[in-house]
Amino acid sequence: MGEELFYFLFRDKPAKVLLALFNNAETTYASELAKEVDCTYPHMVKVLAGFKEFGLIDVSSTGRVKPIVLTQKGRKIVAKLKALQETLG
């Protein structure tokens, strides 16, 4: 599972989505994330499903509204991604 997660994270859009979730202080939704990282809504849904499968996000469901938040594991991974991003310049 660790190797699958590594290859899933280090694609362009998933990394941008995690960073966007980390940087947004307010509740975030799939449609907002899709606009922010410039991808289609269906692609965003697929990325978020992967994050949920790996335990990186929680998605609450209140009717049609589904806010997305990082889990503790997701926050740890994003912190390491940010450190790597800063190292690479």
C-alpha atoms as a PDB file:
ATOM      1  CA  MET A   1       0.000   0.000   0.000  1.00  0.00           C
ATOM      2  CA  GLY A   2       2.870   2.411   0.728  1.00  0.00           C
ATOM      3  CA  GLU A   3       4.285   2.163  -2.788  1.00  0.00           C
ATOM      4  CA  GLU A   4       0.842   2.743  -4.321  1.00  0.00           C
ATOM      5  CA  LEU A   5       0.361   5.818  -2.150  1.00  0.00           C
ATOM      6  CA  PHE A   6       3.781   7.181  -3.162  1.00  0.00           C
ATOM      7  CA  TYR A   7       2.979   6.951  -6.864  1.00  0.00           C
ATOM      8  CA  PHE A   8      -0.503   8.325  -6.320  1.00  0.00           C
ATOM      9  CA  LEU A   9       0.746  11.405  -4.451  1.00  0.00           C
ATOM     10  CA  PHE A  10       3.560  12.408  -6.723  1.00  0.00           C
ATOM     11  CA  ARG A  11       1.433  13.038  -9.739  1.00  0.00           C
ATOM     12  CA  ASP A  12       0.852  16.723 -10.449  1.00  0.00           C
ATOM     13  CA  LYS A  13      -2.839  17.172  -9.626  1.00  0.00           C
ATOM     14  CA  PRO A  14      -3.004  15.074  -6.442  1.00  0.00           C
ATOM     15  CA  ALA A  15      -0.080  16.974  -4.918  1.00  0.00           C
ATOM     16  CA  LYS A  16      -1.693  20.304  -5.827  1.00  0.00           C
ATOM     17  CA  VAL A  17      -5.005  19.174  -4.342  1.00  0.00           C
ATOM     18  CA  LEU A  18      -3.388  18.187  -1.041  1.00  0.00           C
ATOM     19  CA  LEU A  19      -1.559  21.508  -0.849  1.00  0.00           C
ATOM     20  CA  ALA A  20      -4.780  23.391  -1.633  1.00  0.00           C
ATOM     21  CA  LEU A  21      -6.647  21.504   1.102  1.00  0.00           C
ATOM     22  CA  PHE A  22      -3.868  22.289   3.562  1.00  0.00           C
ATOM     23  CA  ASN A  23      -3.773  25.988   2.648  1.00  0.00           C
ATOM     24  CA  ASN A  24      -7.548  26.580   2.710  1.00  0.00           C
ATOM     25  CA  ALA A  25      -8.660  27.568   6.180  1.00  0.00           C
ATOM     26  CA  GLU A  26     -12.344  27.296   5.298  1.00  0.00           C
ATOM     27  CA  THR A  27     -14.423  24.297   4.311  1.00  0.00           C
ATOM     28  CA  THR A  28     -13.552  23.079   0.844  1.00  0.00           C
ATOM     29  CA  TYR A  29     -15.652  21.294  -1.751  1.00  0.00           C
ATOM     30  CA  ALA A  30     -14.732  19.207  -4.800  1.00  0.00           C
ATOM     31  CA  SER A  31     -15.947  21.827  -7.269  1.00  0.00           C
ATOM     32  CA  GLU A  32     -13.827  24.544  -5.605  1.00  0.00           C
ATOM     33  CA  LEU A  33     -10.746  22.319  -5.636  1.00  0.00           C
ATOM     34  CA  ALA A  34     -11.263  21.459  -9.304  1.00  0.00           C
ATOM     35  CA  LYS A  35     -11.252  25.160 -10.182  1.00  0.00           C
ATOM     36  CA  GLU A  36      -8.273  25.912  -7.961  1.00  0.00           C
ATOM     37  CA  VAL A  37      -6.027  23.218  -9.440  1.00  0.00           C
ATOM     38  CA  ASP A  38      -7.427  23.527 -12.972  1.00  0.00           C
ATOM     39  CA  CYS A  39      -8.883  20.090 -13.549  1.00  0.00           C
ATOM     40  CA  THR A  40     -12.279  18.692 -14.404  1.00  0.00           C
ATOM     41  CA  TYR A  41     -14.805  17.837 -11.735  1.00  0.00           C
ATOM     42  CA  PRO A  42     -14.849  14.103 -12.671  1.00  0.00           C
ATOM     43  CA  HIS A  43     -11.053  13.964 -12.359  1.00  0.00           C
ATOM     44  CA  MET A  44     -11.280  15.684  -8.967  1.00  0.00           C
ATOM     45  CA  VAL A  45     -13.815  13.131  -7.767  1.00  0.00           C
ATOM     46  CA  LYS A  46     -11.405  10.342  -8.781  1.00  0.00           C
ATOM     47  CA  VAL A  47      -8.477  12.002  -6.969  1.00  0.00           C
ATOM     48  CA  LEU A  48     -10.569  12.538  -3.840  1.00  0.00           C
ATOM     49  CA  ALA A  49     -11.740   8.914  -3.907  1.00  0.00           C
ATOM     50  CA  GLY A  50      -8.085   7.864  -3.871  1.00  0.00           C
ATOM     51  CA  PHE A  51      -7.341  10.179  -0.951  1.00  0.00           C
ATOM     52  CA  LYS A  52     -10.290   8.757   0.957  1.00  0.00           C
ATOM     53  CA  GLU A  53      -9.172   5.189   0.227  1.00  0.00           C
ATOM     54  CA  PHE A  54      -5.704   5.973   1.632  1.00  0.00           C
ATOM     55  CA  GLY A  55      -7.180   7.712   4.691  1.00  0.00           C
ATOM     56  CA  LEU A  56      -5.929  11.202   3.801  1.00  0.00           C
ATOM     57  CA  ILE A  57      -9.291  12.992   3.799  1.00  0.00           C
ATOM     58  CA  ASP A  58     -12.676  12.829   5.446  1.00  0.00           C
ATOM     59  CA  VAL A  59     -15.758  13.743   3.443  1.00  0.00           C
ATOM     60  CA  SER A  60     -18.845  14.675   5.416  1.00  0.00           C
ATOM     61  CA  SER A  61     -22.205  14.430   3.765  1.00  0.00           C
ATOM     62  CA  THR A  62     -24.954  16.858   4.610  1.00  0.00           C
ATOM     63  CA  GLY A  63     -27.451  16.354   1.814  1.00  0.00           C
ATOM     64  CA  ARG A  64     -25.809  17.379  -1.435  1.00  0.00           C
ATOM     65  CA  VAL A  65     -23.063  19.355   0.317  1.00  0.00           C
ATOM     66  CA  LYS A  66     -19.899  17.328   0.933  1.00  0.00           C
ATOM     67  CA  PRO A  67     -17.156  19.285   2.731  1.00  0.00           C
ATOM     68  CA  ILE A  68     -13.648  17.849   2.534  1.00  0.00           C
ATOM     69  CA  VAL A  69     -11.056  17.973   5.318  1.00  0.00           C
ATOM     70  CA  LEU A  70      -7.610  16.485   5.718  1.00  0.00           C
ATOM     71  CA  THR A  71      -7.177  13.750   8.299  1.00  0.00           C
ATOM     72  CA  GLN A  72      -4.237  13.756  10.701  1.00  0.00           C
ATOM     73  CA  LYS A  73      -2.424  11.383   8.326  1.00  0.00           C
ATOM     74  CA  GLY A  74      -3.181  13.721   5.415  1.00  0.00           C
ATOM     75  CA  ARG A  75      -1.815  16.735   7.337  1.00  0.00           C
ATOM     76  CA  LYS A  76       1.409  14.869   8.150  1.00  0.00           C
ATOM     77  CA  ILE A  77       1.906  13.959   4.506  1.00  0.00           C
ATOM     78  CA  VAL A  78       1.221  17.514   3.335  1.00  0.00           C
ATOM     79  CA  ALA A  79       3.718  18.879   5.864  1.00  0.00           C
ATOM     80  CA  LYS A  80       6.351  16.586   4.371  1.00  0.00           C
ATOM     81  CA  LEU A  81       5.336  17.558   0.809  1.00  0.00           C
ATOM     82  CA  LYS A  82       5.682  21.221   1.736  1.00  0.00           C
ATOM     83  CA  ALA A  83       9.123  20.589   3.217  1.00  0.00           C
ATOM     84  CA  LEU A  84      10.148  18.765   0.040  1.00  0.00           C
ATOM     85  CA  GLN A  85       8.728  21.572  -2.087  1.00  0.00           C
ATOM     86  CA  GLU A  86      10.759  24.140  -0.122  1.00  0.00           C
ATOM     87  CA  THR A  87      13.896  22.010  -0.404  1.00  0.00           C
ATOM     88  CA  LEU A  88      13.509  21.746  -4.161  1.00  0.00           C
ATOM     89  CA  GLY A  89      12.959  25.492  -4.417  1.00  0.00           C
END
